[in-house]
């Protein structure tokens, strides 16, 4: 399933509507079911940095799923403080629709730049933990496979010494995604081109 700009536009408007206390514009795409992630990045010093990213590996209707995770990733990612209204003009929104889930033969049975990876493992106390990196994260960080696996173990809460046997004990699934990212300025342009005027003061702010 291919993601489109309209998926990102909808997520932007869901967040804007939350701040404005209004209903978001109706989605302009089919309500298919798909696993999904919503990613917010914020522009600082000329580049974008992660501001929130949460999703669901279970297939869910896109209308309700994107509405839910546009807000969840913006307001409830425990790694960050909630996004504020004043940050809106500095944001970009990425939507990833996940496909082609496969059980890997081992922890190296995947390709950097093609696959996202989901791992399941047990920590030092025997507690089951999971963690994932979307397909674009690993090449952006410049990691090789082992570096990515080790980072993902830490992300998932593994605090012990990472050895070959630890890596080999991992249960790994690989997957692919279709992703598009839209900046706030592109969202504002979409509103103008479609004669939708919702909060002109912020649109003007983004153009200063």
N, C-alpha and C. Protein backbone atom coordinates (compact mmCIF):
# COMPACT_ATOMS: atom_id res chain seq x y z
N UNK A 1 0.85 -1.19 0.00
CA UNK A 1 0.00 0.00 0.00
C UNK A 1 0.88 1.25 0.00
N UNK A 2 0.63 2.18 -0.89
CA UNK A 2 1.47 3.36 -1.04
C UNK A 2 0.92 4.52 -0.22
N UNK A 3 1.81 5.17 0.52
CA UNK A 3 1.43 6.36 1.27
C UNK A 3 1.39 7.55 0.32
N UNK A 4 0.58 8.55 0.62
CA UNK A 4 0.47 9.75 -0.19
C UNK A 4 0.63 10.99 0.68
N UNK A 5 0.82 12.12 0.02
CA UNK A 5 0.92 13.40 0.74
C UNK A 5 -0.32 13.64 1.59
N UNK A 6 -1.47 13.19 1.11
CA UNK A 6 -2.71 13.45 1.84
C UNK A 6 -2.73 12.78 3.21
N UNK A 7 -2.02 11.67 3.36
CA UNK A 7 -1.92 11.05 4.68
C UNK A 7 -1.22 11.99 5.66
N UNK A 8 -0.14 12.62 5.22
CA UNK A 8 0.59 13.55 6.08
C UNK A 8 -0.20 14.83 6.35
N UNK A 9 -0.87 15.33 5.32
CA UNK A 9 -1.70 16.53 5.48
C UNK A 9 -2.75 16.28 6.55
N UNK A 10 -3.36 15.12 6.49
CA UNK A 10 -4.40 14.78 7.47
C UNK A 10 -3.82 14.76 8.89
N UNK A 11 -2.65 14.15 9.06
CA UNK A 11 -2.03 14.11 10.39
C UNK A 11 -1.71 15.51 10.90
N UNK A 12 -1.19 16.36 10.03
CA UNK A 12 -0.92 17.74 10.42
C UNK A 12 -2.19 18.42 10.90
N UNK A 13 -3.28 18.22 10.16
CA UNK A 13 -4.51 18.91 10.53
C UNK A 13 -5.13 18.34 11.80
N UNK A 14 -4.94 17.05 12.03
CA UNK A 14 -5.41 16.46 13.29
C UNK A 14 -4.72 17.14 14.47
N UNK A 15 -3.40 17.34 14.37
CA UNK A 15 -2.68 17.98 15.46
C UNK A 15 -3.08 19.45 15.58
N UNK A 16 -3.19 20.14 14.45
CA UNK A 16 -3.62 21.54 14.48
C UNK A 16 -5.01 21.68 15.09
N UNK A 17 -5.91 20.78 14.70
CA UNK A 17 -7.28 20.82 15.23
C UNK A 17 -7.29 20.59 16.74
N UNK A 18 -6.40 19.74 17.20
CA UNK A 18 -6.29 19.51 18.65
C UNK A 18 -5.95 20.81 19.37
N UNK A 19 -5.01 21.57 18.83
CA UNK A 19 -4.63 22.83 19.45
C UNK A 19 -5.71 23.90 19.31
N UNK A 20 -6.47 23.84 18.21
CA UNK A 20 -7.50 24.84 17.93
C UNK A 20 -8.85 24.53 18.57
N UNK A 21 -9.00 23.31 19.08
CA UNK A 21 -10.28 22.93 19.66
C UNK A 21 -11.38 22.80 18.62
N UNK A 22 -11.03 22.26 17.47
CA UNK A 22 -11.99 22.09 16.38
C UNK A 22 -11.88 20.68 15.82
N UNK A 23 -12.79 20.33 14.92
CA UNK A 23 -12.71 19.06 14.21
C UNK A 23 -11.70 19.16 13.08
N UNK A 24 -10.97 18.11 12.83
CA UNK A 24 -10.03 18.10 11.71
C UNK A 24 -10.79 17.97 10.40
N UNK A 25 -10.13 18.35 9.30
CA UNK A 25 -10.76 18.21 7.99
C UNK A 25 -10.95 16.73 7.70
N UNK A 26 -11.97 16.36 6.93
CA UNK A 26 -12.19 14.94 6.63
C UNK A 26 -11.02 14.36 5.83
N UNK A 27 -10.65 13.13 6.08
CA UNK A 27 -9.57 12.50 5.31
C UNK A 27 -9.95 12.35 3.84
N UNK A 28 -8.98 12.55 2.96
CA UNK A 28 -9.21 12.47 1.52
C UNK A 28 -8.48 11.26 0.93
N UNK A 29 -8.59 10.13 1.61
CA UNK A 29 -7.96 8.89 1.13
C UNK A 29 -8.81 7.72 1.62
N UNK A 30 -8.61 6.58 1.00
CA UNK A 30 -9.40 5.39 1.33
C UNK A 30 -9.10 4.92 2.75
N UNK A 31 -10.10 4.33 3.37
CA UNK A 31 -9.97 3.85 4.74
C UNK A 31 -9.51 2.39 4.76
N UNK A 32 -8.41 2.13 4.07
CA UNK A 32 -7.84 0.78 4.06
C UNK A 32 -7.21 0.47 5.42
N UNK A 33 -6.92 -0.79 5.67
CA UNK A 33 -6.28 -1.19 6.91
C UNK A 33 -4.81 -1.51 6.67
N UNK A 34 -3.96 -1.00 7.57
CA UNK A 34 -2.52 -1.19 7.39
C UNK A 34 -1.80 -0.87 8.70
N UNK A 35 -0.73 -1.58 9.03
CA UNK A 35 0.13 -1.14 10.14
C UNK A 35 0.74 0.22 9.79
N UNK A 36 0.94 1.07 10.77
CA UNK A 36 1.38 2.44 10.46
C UNK A 36 2.19 3.04 11.59
N UNK A 37 3.00 4.03 11.21
CA UNK A 37 3.73 4.85 12.18
C UNK A 37 3.61 6.31 11.75
N UNK A 38 3.53 7.20 12.72
CA UNK A 38 3.56 8.64 12.47
C UNK A 38 4.79 9.22 13.16
N UNK A 39 5.58 9.97 12.40
CA UNK A 39 6.82 10.55 12.91
C UNK A 39 6.77 12.07 12.81
N UNK A 40 7.08 12.73 13.91
CA UNK A 40 7.21 14.19 13.91
C UNK A 40 8.68 14.56 14.08
N UNK A 41 9.17 15.45 13.21
CA UNK A 41 10.50 16.02 13.33
C UNK A 41 10.37 17.53 13.48
N UNK A 42 11.32 18.14 14.16
CA UNK A 42 11.29 19.59 14.36
C UNK A 42 12.57 20.21 13.81
N UNK A 43 12.42 21.38 13.18
CA UNK A 43 13.55 22.06 12.56
C UNK A 43 14.30 22.89 13.60
N UNK A 44 15.58 22.58 13.76
CA UNK A 44 16.44 23.34 14.67
C UNK A 44 17.80 23.53 14.02
N UNK A 45 18.25 24.78 13.99
CA UNK A 45 19.57 25.11 13.44
C UNK A 45 19.73 24.58 12.01
N UNK A 46 18.66 24.69 11.23
CA UNK A 46 18.73 24.35 9.81
C UNK A 46 18.53 22.90 9.46
N UNK A 47 18.31 22.04 10.46
CA UNK A 47 18.07 20.63 10.17
C UNK A 47 16.95 20.11 11.06
N UNK A 48 16.42 18.94 10.68
CA UNK A 48 15.30 18.37 11.43
C UNK A 48 15.80 17.32 12.42
N UNK A 49 15.17 17.31 13.59
CA UNK A 49 15.48 16.32 14.63
C UNK A 49 14.19 15.66 15.09
N UNK A 50 14.32 14.42 15.52
CA UNK A 50 13.14 13.67 15.95
C UNK A 50 12.45 14.36 17.12
N UNK A 51 11.12 14.45 17.01
CA UNK A 51 10.30 15.06 18.07
C UNK A 51 9.25 14.10 18.63
N UNK A 52 9.01 13.00 17.91
CA UNK A 52 8.06 12.00 18.37
C UNK A 52 7.80 10.98 17.28
N UNK A 53 7.68 9.72 17.67
CA UNK A 53 7.40 8.66 16.69
C UNK A 53 6.78 7.47 17.40
N UNK A 54 5.52 7.18 17.07
CA UNK A 54 4.82 6.03 17.63
C UNK A 54 3.90 5.46 16.56
N UNK A 55 3.72 4.16 16.58
CA UNK A 55 2.82 3.52 15.62
C UNK A 55 2.32 2.20 16.15
N UNK A 56 1.80 1.39 15.23
CA UNK A 56 1.17 0.12 15.60
C UNK A 56 1.48 -0.91 14.52
N UNK A 57 1.90 -2.09 14.94
CA UNK A 57 2.18 -3.16 13.99
C UNK A 57 0.95 -3.95 13.61
N UNK A 58 -0.16 -3.71 14.27
CA UNK A 58 -1.42 -4.35 13.88
C UNK A 58 -2.11 -3.52 12.82
N UNK A 59 -2.64 -4.18 11.79
CA UNK A 59 -3.37 -3.45 10.74
C UNK A 59 -4.58 -2.75 11.35
N UNK A 60 -4.75 -1.49 10.99
CA UNK A 60 -5.89 -0.73 11.51
C UNK A 60 -6.39 0.22 10.43
N UNK A 61 -7.68 0.61 10.48
CA UNK A 61 -8.22 1.54 9.48
C UNK A 61 -7.42 2.84 9.48
N UNK A 62 -7.08 3.32 8.29
CA UNK A 62 -6.21 4.49 8.20
C UNK A 62 -6.86 5.75 8.76
N UNK A 63 -8.17 5.91 8.59
CA UNK A 63 -8.81 7.14 9.08
C UNK A 63 -8.65 7.27 10.60
N UNK A 64 -9.04 6.25 11.32
CA UNK A 64 -8.94 6.31 12.78
C UNK A 64 -7.50 6.09 13.25
N UNK A 65 -6.74 5.26 12.54
CA UNK A 65 -5.38 4.97 12.95
C UNK A 65 -4.47 6.18 12.86
N UNK A 66 -4.53 6.89 11.75
CA UNK A 66 -3.69 8.08 11.61
C UNK A 66 -4.12 9.18 12.56
N UNK A 67 -5.43 9.30 12.79
CA UNK A 67 -5.91 10.30 13.75
C UNK A 67 -5.38 9.99 15.14
N UNK A 68 -5.43 8.73 15.51
CA UNK A 68 -4.96 8.33 16.84
C UNK A 68 -3.46 8.55 17.00
N UNK A 69 -2.68 8.09 16.03
CA UNK A 69 -1.23 8.13 16.20
C UNK A 69 -0.61 9.47 15.84
N UNK A 70 -1.31 10.31 15.09
CA UNK A 70 -0.84 11.68 14.91
C UNK A 70 -0.76 12.38 16.26
N UNK A 71 -1.76 12.14 17.11
CA UNK A 71 -1.77 12.75 18.44
C UNK A 71 -0.89 11.99 19.43
N UNK A 72 -0.94 10.67 19.38
CA UNK A 72 -0.15 9.88 20.32
C UNK A 72 1.34 10.15 20.15
N UNK A 73 1.81 10.18 18.91
CA UNK A 73 3.24 10.41 18.67
C UNK A 73 3.64 11.84 19.01
N UNK A 74 2.72 12.78 18.86
CA UNK A 74 3.02 14.18 19.15
C UNK A 74 2.98 14.50 20.64
N UNK A 75 2.10 13.84 21.35
CA UNK A 75 1.81 14.24 22.73
C UNK A 75 2.23 13.22 23.79
N UNK A 76 2.46 11.97 23.38
CA UNK A 76 2.67 10.92 24.38
C UNK A 76 3.89 10.04 24.14
N UNK A 77 4.83 10.50 23.34
CA UNK A 77 6.11 9.79 23.21
C UNK A 77 6.91 10.08 24.48
N UNK A 78 7.17 9.08 25.27
CA UNK A 78 7.79 9.27 26.58
C UNK A 78 9.22 9.79 26.51
N UNK A 79 9.81 9.75 25.34
CA UNK A 79 11.17 10.26 25.19
C UNK A 79 11.22 11.78 25.13
N UNK A 80 10.06 12.41 24.91
CA UNK A 80 10.02 13.85 24.68
C UNK A 80 8.88 14.48 25.47
N UNK A 81 9.00 15.79 25.70
CA UNK A 81 7.86 16.55 26.20
C UNK A 81 6.81 16.64 25.09
N UNK A 82 5.53 16.81 25.44
CA UNK A 82 4.51 16.94 24.40
C UNK A 82 4.80 18.12 23.47
N UNK A 83 4.51 17.93 22.20
CA UNK A 83 4.63 19.02 21.24
C UNK A 83 3.66 20.13 21.62
N UNK A 84 4.10 21.38 21.49
CA UNK A 84 3.26 22.52 21.81
C UNK A 84 2.78 23.22 20.54
N UNK A 85 1.76 24.04 20.71
CA UNK A 85 1.19 24.74 19.56
C UNK A 85 2.22 25.64 18.88
N UNK A 86 3.08 26.28 19.67
CA UNK A 86 4.04 27.21 19.07
C UNK A 86 5.09 26.49 18.23
N UNK A 87 5.24 25.18 18.43
CA UNK A 87 6.20 24.41 17.64
C UNK A 87 5.65 24.00 16.28
N UNK A 88 4.35 24.11 16.10
CA UNK A 88 3.71 23.60 14.89
C UNK A 88 4.38 24.07 13.59
N UNK A 89 4.70 25.37 13.43
CA UNK A 89 5.31 25.81 12.17
C UNK A 89 6.72 25.26 11.92
N UNK A 90 7.32 24.66 12.93
CA UNK A 90 8.68 24.13 12.79
C UNK A 90 8.70 22.64 12.50
N UNK A 91 7.53 22.02 12.41
CA UNK A 91 7.45 20.56 12.32
C UNK A 91 7.44 20.05 10.88
N UNK A 92 7.84 18.81 10.74
CA UNK A 92 7.53 18.01 9.55
C UNK A 92 6.86 16.74 10.04
N UNK A 93 6.01 16.17 9.20
CA UNK A 93 5.28 14.96 9.57
C UNK A 93 5.58 13.86 8.56
N UNK A 94 5.96 12.70 9.04
CA UNK A 94 6.17 11.55 8.18
C UNK A 94 5.19 10.45 8.51
N UNK A 95 4.62 9.85 7.49
CA UNK A 95 3.73 8.71 7.66
C UNK A 95 4.36 7.50 6.98
N UNK A 96 4.45 6.41 7.72
CA UNK A 96 4.99 5.15 7.20
C UNK A 96 3.90 4.09 7.24
N UNK A 97 3.60 3.49 6.10
CA UNK A 97 2.68 2.37 6.03
C UNK A 97 3.51 1.11 5.85
N UNK A 98 3.36 0.15 6.73
CA UNK A 98 4.25 -1.00 6.80
C UNK A 98 3.70 -2.20 6.03
N UNK A 99 4.60 -2.89 5.33
CA UNK A 99 4.20 -4.03 4.49
C UNK A 99 5.26 -5.13 4.57
N UNK A 100 4.94 -6.27 3.97
CA UNK A 100 5.89 -7.36 3.74
C UNK A 100 6.62 -7.82 5.01
N UNK A 101 5.86 -8.15 6.02
CA UNK A 101 6.45 -8.68 7.26
C UNK A 101 6.92 -10.11 7.03
N UNK A 102 8.17 -10.39 7.45
CA UNK A 102 8.75 -11.72 7.28
C UNK A 102 9.57 -12.08 8.51
N UNK A 103 9.49 -13.33 8.91
CA UNK A 103 10.32 -13.83 10.00
C UNK A 103 11.73 -14.06 9.46
N UNK A 104 12.71 -13.46 10.09
CA UNK A 104 14.10 -13.59 9.63
C UNK A 104 14.71 -14.91 10.10
N UNK A 105 15.66 -15.41 9.33
CA UNK A 105 16.35 -16.65 9.69
C UNK A 105 17.26 -16.44 10.90
N UNK A 106 17.82 -15.25 10.99
CA UNK A 106 18.70 -14.90 12.10
C UNK A 106 18.78 -13.38 12.20
N UNK A 107 19.56 -12.88 13.13
CA UNK A 107 19.57 -11.44 13.39
C UNK A 107 20.23 -10.63 12.28
N UNK A 108 20.88 -11.29 11.32
CA UNK A 108 21.51 -10.59 10.20
C UNK A 108 20.73 -10.76 8.88
N UNK A 109 19.60 -11.42 8.94
CA UNK A 109 18.83 -11.74 7.73
C UNK A 109 17.91 -10.58 7.34
N UNK A 110 18.53 -9.46 6.96
CA UNK A 110 17.80 -8.27 6.52
C UNK A 110 18.79 -7.34 5.84
N UNK A 111 18.27 -6.37 5.10
CA UNK A 111 19.12 -5.47 4.33
C UNK A 111 18.96 -4.02 4.78
N UNK A 112 20.08 -3.37 5.07
CA UNK A 112 20.06 -1.96 5.43
C UNK A 112 19.52 -1.14 4.26
N UNK A 113 18.60 -0.23 4.55
CA UNK A 113 18.02 0.61 3.52
C UNK A 113 16.79 0.03 2.86
N UNK A 114 16.56 -1.27 3.06
CA UNK A 114 15.37 -1.92 2.51
C UNK A 114 14.38 -2.29 3.61
N UNK A 115 14.89 -2.85 4.68
CA UNK A 115 14.03 -3.38 5.73
C UNK A 115 14.05 -2.53 7.00
N UNK A 116 12.91 -2.47 7.65
CA UNK A 116 12.85 -2.13 9.06
C UNK A 116 12.98 -3.43 9.82
N UNK A 117 13.36 -3.32 11.09
CA UNK A 117 13.52 -4.54 11.89
C UNK A 117 12.79 -4.40 13.22
N UNK A 118 12.16 -5.50 13.61
CA UNK A 118 11.49 -5.62 14.91
C UNK A 118 12.14 -6.78 15.63
N UNK A 119 12.57 -6.54 16.86
CA UNK A 119 13.22 -7.62 17.61
C UNK A 119 12.47 -7.90 18.90
N UNK A 120 12.56 -9.15 19.32
CA UNK A 120 12.03 -9.58 20.61
C UNK A 120 13.15 -10.31 21.34
N UNK A 121 13.31 -10.01 22.62
CA UNK A 121 14.40 -10.62 23.39
C UNK A 121 14.03 -10.61 24.87
N UNK A 122 14.83 -11.27 25.66
CA UNK A 122 14.65 -11.27 27.11
C UNK A 122 15.79 -10.49 27.76
N UNK A 123 15.43 -9.62 28.70
CA UNK A 123 16.47 -8.85 29.39
C UNK A 123 17.11 -9.69 30.50
N UNK A 124 17.97 -9.07 31.29
CA UNK A 124 18.72 -9.80 32.31
C UNK A 124 17.82 -10.47 33.35
N UNK A 125 16.63 -9.91 33.56
CA UNK A 125 15.71 -10.47 34.55
C UNK A 125 14.73 -11.46 33.94
N UNK A 126 14.89 -11.75 32.63
CA UNK A 126 14.00 -12.69 31.96
C UNK A 126 12.72 -12.08 31.45
N UNK A 127 12.63 -10.75 31.50
CA UNK A 127 11.44 -10.06 31.02
C UNK A 127 11.47 -9.93 29.50
N UNK A 128 10.34 -10.21 28.86
CA UNK A 128 10.25 -10.11 27.40
C UNK A 128 10.19 -8.64 26.99
N UNK A 129 11.02 -8.26 26.05
CA UNK A 129 11.05 -6.89 25.56
C UNK A 129 11.07 -6.88 24.03
N UNK A 130 10.59 -5.80 23.45
CA UNK A 130 10.60 -5.63 22.00
C UNK A 130 11.06 -4.21 21.66
N UNK A 131 11.52 -4.05 20.43
CA UNK A 131 11.92 -2.73 19.94
C UNK A 131 11.97 -2.79 18.42
N UNK A 132 11.87 -1.62 17.78
CA UNK A 132 11.89 -1.58 16.32
C UNK A 132 12.59 -0.33 15.82
N UNK A 133 13.15 -0.43 14.63
CA UNK A 133 13.61 0.72 13.86
C UNK A 133 12.94 0.65 12.49
N UNK A 134 12.34 1.76 12.08
CA UNK A 134 11.77 1.85 10.74
C UNK A 134 12.88 1.80 9.70
N UNK A 135 12.56 1.46 8.44
CA UNK A 135 13.60 1.26 7.42
C UNK A 135 14.53 2.44 7.20
N UNK A 136 14.04 3.67 7.37
CA UNK A 136 14.87 4.84 7.08
C UNK A 136 15.83 5.19 8.21
N UNK A 137 15.59 4.69 9.41
CA UNK A 137 16.38 5.10 10.57
C UNK A 137 17.83 4.63 10.46
N UNK A 138 18.04 3.39 10.09
CA UNK A 138 19.39 2.81 10.12
C UNK A 138 20.33 3.47 9.12
N UNK A 139 19.93 3.66 7.84
CA UNK A 139 20.84 4.37 6.93
C UNK A 139 21.05 5.83 7.33
N UNK A 140 20.04 6.47 7.93
CA UNK A 140 20.21 7.85 8.38
C UNK A 140 21.29 7.95 9.45
N UNK A 141 21.38 6.93 10.29
CA UNK A 141 22.39 6.93 11.36
C UNK A 141 23.75 6.42 10.89
N UNK A 142 23.80 5.83 9.71
CA UNK A 142 25.06 5.32 9.18
C UNK A 142 25.53 4.04 9.84
N UNK A 143 24.60 3.27 10.41
CA UNK A 143 24.96 2.04 11.11
C UNK A 143 25.11 0.86 10.16
N UNK A 144 25.96 -0.09 10.52
CA UNK A 144 25.92 -1.39 9.87
C UNK A 144 24.94 -2.27 10.64
N UNK A 145 24.80 -3.53 10.25
CA UNK A 145 23.77 -4.37 10.86
C UNK A 145 24.01 -4.59 12.36
N UNK A 146 25.24 -4.89 12.73
CA UNK A 146 25.52 -5.17 14.14
C UNK A 146 25.33 -3.92 14.99
N UNK A 147 25.76 -2.78 14.49
CA UNK A 147 25.55 -1.53 15.22
C UNK A 147 24.07 -1.25 15.41
N UNK A 148 23.28 -1.53 14.38
CA UNK A 148 21.83 -1.31 14.48
C UNK A 148 21.20 -2.25 15.50
N UNK A 149 21.59 -3.51 15.47
CA UNK A 149 21.06 -4.49 16.42
C UNK A 149 21.43 -4.10 17.85
N UNK A 150 22.68 -3.72 18.07
CA UNK A 150 23.11 -3.33 19.42
C UNK A 150 22.36 -2.10 19.90
N UNK A 151 22.17 -1.13 19.02
CA UNK A 151 21.42 0.06 19.39
C UNK A 151 19.98 -0.27 19.72
N UNK A 152 19.41 -1.19 18.95
CA UNK A 152 18.02 -1.57 19.16
C UNK A 152 17.85 -2.33 20.48
N UNK A 153 18.82 -3.14 20.83
CA UNK A 153 18.80 -3.81 22.13
C UNK A 153 18.78 -2.78 23.26
N UNK A 154 19.61 -1.76 23.15
CA UNK A 154 19.63 -0.71 24.17
C UNK A 154 18.31 0.06 24.18
N UNK A 155 17.79 0.34 23.02
CA UNK A 155 16.51 1.03 22.94
C UNK A 155 15.42 0.22 23.64
N UNK A 156 15.48 -1.09 23.49
CA UNK A 156 14.48 -1.96 24.09
C UNK A 156 14.67 -2.20 25.57
N UNK A 157 15.77 -1.72 26.12
CA UNK A 157 15.97 -1.81 27.56
C UNK A 157 16.98 -2.84 28.02
N UNK A 158 17.75 -3.42 27.10
CA UNK A 158 18.78 -4.38 27.50
C UNK A 158 19.96 -3.62 28.07
N UNK A 159 20.35 -3.94 29.30
CA UNK A 159 21.40 -3.19 29.98
C UNK A 159 22.68 -4.00 30.21
N UNK A 160 22.64 -5.26 29.87
CA UNK A 160 23.81 -6.11 30.09
C UNK A 160 24.84 -5.97 28.98
N UNK A 161 25.84 -6.81 29.04
CA UNK A 161 26.89 -6.84 28.01
C UNK A 161 26.33 -7.53 26.77
N UNK A 162 26.48 -6.88 25.63
CA UNK A 162 25.96 -7.43 24.38
C UNK A 162 27.02 -8.32 23.75
N UNK A 163 26.76 -9.60 23.70
CA UNK A 163 27.68 -10.58 23.14
C UNK A 163 27.07 -11.23 21.90
N UNK A 164 27.85 -12.03 21.23
CA UNK A 164 27.33 -12.75 20.06
C UNK A 164 26.16 -13.64 20.43
N UNK A 165 26.23 -14.27 21.60
CA UNK A 165 25.14 -15.15 22.02
C UNK A 165 23.87 -14.36 22.29
N UNK A 166 24.01 -13.16 22.82
CA UNK A 166 22.83 -12.30 23.03
C UNK A 166 22.19 -11.97 21.69
N UNK A 167 23.02 -11.57 20.72
CA UNK A 167 22.48 -11.24 19.40
C UNK A 167 21.80 -12.45 18.77
N UNK A 168 22.41 -13.61 18.90
CA UNK A 168 21.87 -14.81 18.28
C UNK A 168 20.57 -15.28 18.92
N UNK A 169 20.30 -14.84 20.14
CA UNK A 169 19.07 -15.22 20.83
C UNK A 169 17.87 -14.37 20.42
N UNK A 170 18.14 -13.32 19.67
CA UNK A 170 17.08 -12.40 19.26
C UNK A 170 16.13 -13.07 18.27
N UNK A 171 14.85 -12.80 18.43
CA UNK A 171 13.85 -13.16 17.42
C UNK A 171 13.57 -11.90 16.61
N UNK A 172 13.78 -11.99 15.31
CA UNK A 172 13.72 -10.79 14.47
C UNK A 172 12.72 -10.95 13.33
N UNK A 173 11.93 -9.92 13.12
CA UNK A 173 11.08 -9.83 11.94
C UNK A 173 11.52 -8.62 11.13
N UNK A 174 11.55 -8.79 9.83
CA UNK A 174 11.88 -7.69 8.94
C UNK A 174 10.62 -7.25 8.20
N UNK A 175 10.61 -6.00 7.80
CA UNK A 175 9.45 -5.47 7.08
C UNK A 175 9.90 -4.31 6.21
N UNK A 176 9.03 -3.88 5.33
CA UNK A 176 9.30 -2.74 4.48
C UNK A 176 8.23 -1.68 4.72
N UNK A 177 8.45 -0.49 4.18
CA UNK A 177 7.46 0.57 4.39
C UNK A 177 7.42 1.49 3.18
N UNK A 178 6.28 2.14 3.05
CA UNK A 178 6.10 3.24 2.11
C UNK A 178 5.99 4.49 2.97
N UNK A 179 6.87 5.48 2.73
CA UNK A 179 6.91 6.66 3.60
C UNK A 179 6.96 7.94 2.79
N UNK A 180 6.25 8.95 3.29
CA UNK A 180 6.31 10.31 2.76
C UNK A 180 6.40 11.26 3.94
N UNK A 181 7.16 12.33 3.77
CA UNK A 181 7.28 13.35 4.81
C UNK A 181 6.89 14.70 4.24
N UNK A 182 6.14 15.47 5.00
CA UNK A 182 5.63 16.77 4.56
C UNK A 182 5.99 17.82 5.62
N UNK A 183 6.50 18.96 5.19
CA UNK A 183 6.83 20.03 6.12
C UNK A 183 5.59 20.85 6.45
N UNK A 184 5.69 21.66 7.49
CA UNK A 184 4.56 22.53 7.83
C UNK A 184 4.26 23.50 6.70
N UNK A 185 5.30 24.02 6.06
CA UNK A 185 5.08 24.96 4.96
C UNK A 185 4.31 24.30 3.82
N UNK A 186 4.60 23.03 3.55
CA UNK A 186 3.86 22.31 2.52
C UNK A 186 2.41 22.09 2.94
N UNK A 187 2.20 21.85 4.22
CA UNK A 187 0.83 21.73 4.75
C UNK A 187 0.10 23.06 4.60
N UNK A 188 0.77 24.17 4.95
CA UNK A 188 0.16 25.49 4.83
C UNK A 188 -0.19 25.81 3.38
N UNK A 189 0.70 25.44 2.47
CA UNK A 189 0.44 25.66 1.04
C UNK A 189 -0.78 24.87 0.59
N UNK A 190 -0.90 23.64 1.07
CA UNK A 190 -2.07 22.81 0.73
C UNK A 190 -3.35 23.49 1.20
N UNK A 191 -3.36 24.04 2.40
CA UNK A 191 -4.54 24.73 2.90
C UNK A 191 -4.90 25.92 2.01
N UNK A 192 -3.89 26.69 1.61
CA UNK A 192 -4.14 27.86 0.78
C UNK A 192 -4.66 27.47 -0.60
N UNK A 193 -4.04 26.45 -1.18
CA UNK A 193 -4.46 26.03 -2.52
C UNK A 193 -5.87 25.46 -2.54
N UNK A 194 -6.32 24.97 -1.40
CA UNK A 194 -7.66 24.40 -1.30
C UNK A 194 -8.63 25.33 -0.57
N UNK A 195 -8.21 26.61 -0.42
CA UNK A 195 -9.06 27.64 0.20
C UNK A 195 -9.55 27.24 1.58
N UNK A 196 -8.65 26.64 2.37
CA UNK A 196 -8.98 26.26 3.74
C UNK A 196 -8.22 27.20 4.67
N UNK A 197 -8.94 28.08 5.37
CA UNK A 197 -8.32 29.04 6.27
C UNK A 197 -8.72 28.69 7.69
N UNK A 198 -7.78 28.14 8.44
CA UNK A 198 -8.10 27.62 9.77
C UNK A 198 -7.45 28.44 10.88
N UNK A 199 -6.19 28.81 10.69
CA UNK A 199 -5.50 29.60 11.71
C UNK A 199 -4.46 30.46 11.01
N UNK A 200 -4.93 31.56 10.36
CA UNK A 200 -4.05 32.38 9.52
C UNK A 200 -2.84 32.95 10.25
N UNK A 201 -2.96 33.21 11.55
CA UNK A 201 -1.81 33.78 12.25
C UNK A 201 -0.61 32.85 12.22
N UNK A 202 -0.85 31.54 12.33
CA UNK A 202 0.25 30.58 12.31
C UNK A 202 0.78 30.37 10.90
N UNK A 203 -0.11 30.45 9.91
CA UNK A 203 0.35 30.35 8.54
C UNK A 203 1.28 31.50 8.21
N UNK A 204 0.94 32.70 8.69
CA UNK A 204 1.79 33.85 8.45
C UNK A 204 3.13 33.70 9.18
N UNK A 205 3.07 33.12 10.38
CA UNK A 205 4.29 32.92 11.15
C UNK A 205 5.27 32.04 10.40
N UNK A 206 4.76 31.03 9.71
CA UNK A 206 5.63 30.08 9.03
C UNK A 206 6.34 30.71 7.84
N UNK A 207 5.83 31.86 7.37
CA UNK A 207 6.42 32.49 6.18
C UNK A 207 7.39 33.61 6.52
N UNK A 208 7.51 33.94 7.80
CA UNK A 208 8.41 35.02 8.18
C UNK A 208 9.87 34.59 8.05
